[in-house]
Amino acid sequence: MNEEMVILAADDAAEAWVGAVGAGGVFLLLIVIVWQIAATWRARMLAAREEQHRQLAGK
């Protein structure tokens, strides 16, 4: 019976690690997605501002 308890405890610990790593991966994925959206938005704003400068310089 003690051997079963040890095995079950080891399985529970392994499942806990798998869950923690999985949750960390999901959060990391969300952070990367938000970062990429922000970087894309910033690049578009800079491109629009540069285009406005070109139009002003051409006048």
N, C-alpha and C. Protein backbone atom coordinates (compact mmCIF):
# COMPACT_ATOMS: atom_id res chain seq x y z
N MET A 1 0.82 -1.19 0.00
CA MET A 1 0.00 0.00 0.00
C MET A 1 0.87 1.26 0.00
N ASN A 2 1.98 1.25 0.71
CA ASN A 2 2.86 2.42 0.73
C ASN A 2 3.44 2.70 -0.64
N GLU A 3 3.74 1.64 -1.37
CA GLU A 3 4.28 1.84 -2.71
C GLU A 3 3.27 2.53 -3.61
N GLU A 4 2.00 2.19 -3.47
CA GLU A 4 0.96 2.85 -4.26
C GLU A 4 0.88 4.33 -3.92
N MET A 5 0.98 4.65 -2.66
CA MET A 5 0.89 6.05 -2.23
C MET A 5 2.07 6.85 -2.80
N VAL A 6 3.24 6.24 -2.80
CA VAL A 6 4.41 6.92 -3.33
C VAL A 6 4.24 7.16 -4.83
N ILE A 7 3.75 6.17 -5.52
CA ILE A 7 3.55 6.31 -6.97
C ILE A 7 2.49 7.38 -7.25
N LEU A 8 1.40 7.35 -6.50
CA LEU A 8 0.35 8.35 -6.70
C LEU A 8 0.86 9.75 -6.38
N ALA A 9 1.64 9.88 -5.34
CA ALA A 9 2.19 11.19 -5.00
C ALA A 9 3.11 11.68 -6.10
N ALA A 10 3.90 10.78 -6.66
CA ALA A 10 4.79 11.16 -7.75
C ALA A 10 3.99 11.57 -8.97
N ASP A 11 2.91 10.85 -9.25
CA ASP A 11 2.06 11.20 -10.38
C ASP A 11 1.41 12.56 -10.18
N ASP A 12 0.96 12.83 -8.97
CA ASP A 12 0.34 14.12 -8.68
C ASP A 12 1.34 15.26 -8.85
N ALA A 13 2.57 15.04 -8.41
CA ALA A 13 3.59 16.07 -8.56
C ALA A 13 3.90 16.30 -10.04
N ALA A 14 3.96 15.21 -10.79
CA ALA A 14 4.23 15.34 -12.23
C ALA A 14 3.10 16.08 -12.92
N GLU A 15 1.86 15.76 -12.54
CA GLU A 15 0.72 16.46 -13.13
C GLU A 15 0.73 17.94 -12.75
N ALA A 16 1.14 18.23 -11.55
CA ALA A 16 1.22 19.63 -11.12
C ALA A 16 2.25 20.38 -11.95
N TRP A 17 3.39 19.74 -12.21
CA TRP A 17 4.42 20.38 -13.03
C TRP A 17 3.93 20.59 -14.45
N VAL A 18 3.24 19.58 -14.98
CA VAL A 18 2.72 19.69 -16.34
C VAL A 18 1.72 20.83 -16.42
N GLY A 19 0.86 20.94 -15.42
CA GLY A 19 -0.11 22.02 -15.39
C GLY A 19 0.55 23.39 -15.27
N ALA A 20 1.57 23.48 -14.43
CA ALA A 20 2.27 24.75 -14.25
C ALA A 20 2.99 25.17 -15.53
N VAL A 21 3.65 24.22 -16.16
CA VAL A 21 4.36 24.53 -17.41
C VAL A 21 3.36 24.90 -18.50
N GLY A 22 2.25 24.19 -18.56
CA GLY A 22 1.22 24.50 -19.54
C GLY A 22 0.64 25.88 -19.34
N ALA A 23 0.33 26.22 -18.09
CA ALA A 23 -0.21 27.55 -17.79
C ALA A 23 0.83 28.63 -18.12
N GLY A 24 2.08 28.38 -17.79
CA GLY A 24 3.13 29.33 -18.12
C GLY A 24 3.25 29.53 -19.63
N GLY A 25 3.13 28.45 -20.37
CA GLY A 25 3.20 28.54 -21.83
C GLY A 25 2.06 29.35 -22.40
N VAL A 26 0.86 29.17 -21.85
CA VAL A 26 -0.30 29.94 -22.32
C VAL A 26 -0.09 31.42 -22.04
N PHE A 27 0.35 31.75 -20.83
CA PHE A 27 0.60 33.15 -20.51
C PHE A 27 1.70 33.74 -21.37
N LEU A 28 2.73 32.97 -21.63
CA LEU A 28 3.81 33.44 -22.49
C LEU A 28 3.30 33.70 -23.90
N LEU A 29 2.46 32.81 -24.41
CA LEU A 29 1.87 33.00 -25.73
C LEU A 29 1.03 34.27 -25.78
N LEU A 30 0.23 34.51 -24.75
CA LEU A 30 -0.59 35.73 -24.70
C LEU A 30 0.28 36.98 -24.66
N ILE A 31 1.36 36.93 -23.91
CA ILE A 31 2.27 38.09 -23.83
C ILE A 31 2.88 38.36 -25.20
N VAL A 32 3.31 37.32 -25.89
CA VAL A 32 3.92 37.49 -27.22
C VAL A 32 2.90 38.05 -28.20
N ILE A 33 1.66 37.57 -28.14
CA ILE A 33 0.62 38.08 -29.04
C ILE A 33 0.37 39.55 -28.79
N VAL A 34 0.22 39.94 -27.54
CA VAL A 34 -0.01 41.35 -27.20
C VAL A 34 1.18 42.20 -27.63
N TRP A 35 2.39 41.70 -27.39
CA TRP A 35 3.61 42.43 -27.77
C TRP A 35 3.66 42.66 -29.28
N GLN A 36 3.33 41.63 -30.05
CA GLN A 36 3.36 41.75 -31.50
C GLN A 36 2.29 42.72 -32.02
N ILE A 37 1.12 42.69 -31.41
CA ILE A 37 0.07 43.64 -31.80
C ILE A 37 0.52 45.06 -31.51
N ALA A 38 1.12 45.27 -30.35
CA ALA A 38 1.60 46.61 -29.99
C ALA A 38 2.72 47.05 -30.94
N ALA A 39 3.62 46.16 -31.28
CA ALA A 39 4.72 46.51 -32.18
C ALA A 39 4.19 46.85 -33.58
N THR A 40 3.19 46.10 -34.04
CA THR A 40 2.60 46.37 -35.35
C THR A 40 1.90 47.72 -35.34
N TRP A 41 1.15 48.00 -34.28
CA TRP A 41 0.45 49.28 -34.16
C TRP A 41 1.46 50.44 -34.16
N ARG A 42 2.55 50.27 -33.40
CA ARG A 42 3.56 51.33 -33.33
C ARG A 42 4.21 51.56 -34.70
N ALA A 43 4.50 50.48 -35.42
CA ALA A 43 5.12 50.62 -36.74
C ALA A 43 4.17 51.34 -37.70
N ARG A 44 2.89 51.03 -37.63
CA ARG A 44 1.93 51.73 -38.50
C ARG A 44 1.84 53.21 -38.16
N MET A 45 1.86 53.53 -36.87
CA MET A 45 1.80 54.94 -36.46
C MET A 45 3.05 55.69 -36.95
N LEU A 46 4.21 55.06 -36.83
CA LEU A 46 5.44 55.70 -37.29
C LEU A 46 5.43 55.89 -38.80
N ALA A 47 4.91 54.90 -39.53
CA ALA A 47 4.84 55.01 -40.98
C ALA A 47 3.88 56.13 -41.39
N ALA A 48 2.76 56.24 -40.69
CA ALA A 48 1.79 57.30 -40.99
C ALA A 48 2.40 58.67 -40.70
N ARG A 49 3.12 58.78 -39.61
CA ARG A 49 3.75 60.06 -39.25
C ARG A 49 4.81 60.43 -40.28
N GLU A 50 5.58 59.43 -40.73
CA GLU A 50 6.60 59.69 -41.74
C GLU A 50 5.95 60.17 -43.04
N GLU A 51 4.82 59.58 -43.40
CA GLU A 51 4.11 59.98 -44.61
C GLU A 51 3.60 61.42 -44.47
N GLN A 52 3.14 61.79 -43.30
CA GLN A 52 2.70 63.18 -43.06
C GLN A 52 3.87 64.15 -43.20
N HIS A 53 5.03 63.75 -42.69
CA HIS A 53 6.22 64.60 -42.83
C HIS A 53 6.59 64.77 -44.30
N ARG A 54 6.48 63.72 -45.06
CA ARG A 54 6.80 63.81 -46.49
C ARG A 54 5.84 64.74 -47.22
N GLN A 55 4.56 64.65 -46.85
CA GLN A 55 3.57 65.53 -47.48
C GLN A 55 3.84 67.00 -47.12
N LEU A 56 4.18 67.23 -45.85
CA LEU A 56 4.49 68.60 -45.42
C LEU A 56 5.75 69.13 -46.10
N ALA A 57 6.74 68.28 -46.26
CA ALA A 57 7.99 68.69 -46.89
C ALA A 57 7.78 68.97 -48.38
N GLY A 58 6.82 68.29 -48.98
CA GLY A 58 6.58 68.49 -50.41
C GLY A 58 5.82 69.78 -50.71
N LYS A 59 5.19 70.36 -49.72
CA LYS A 59 4.40 71.60 -49.96
C LYS A 59 5.27 72.81 -50.14
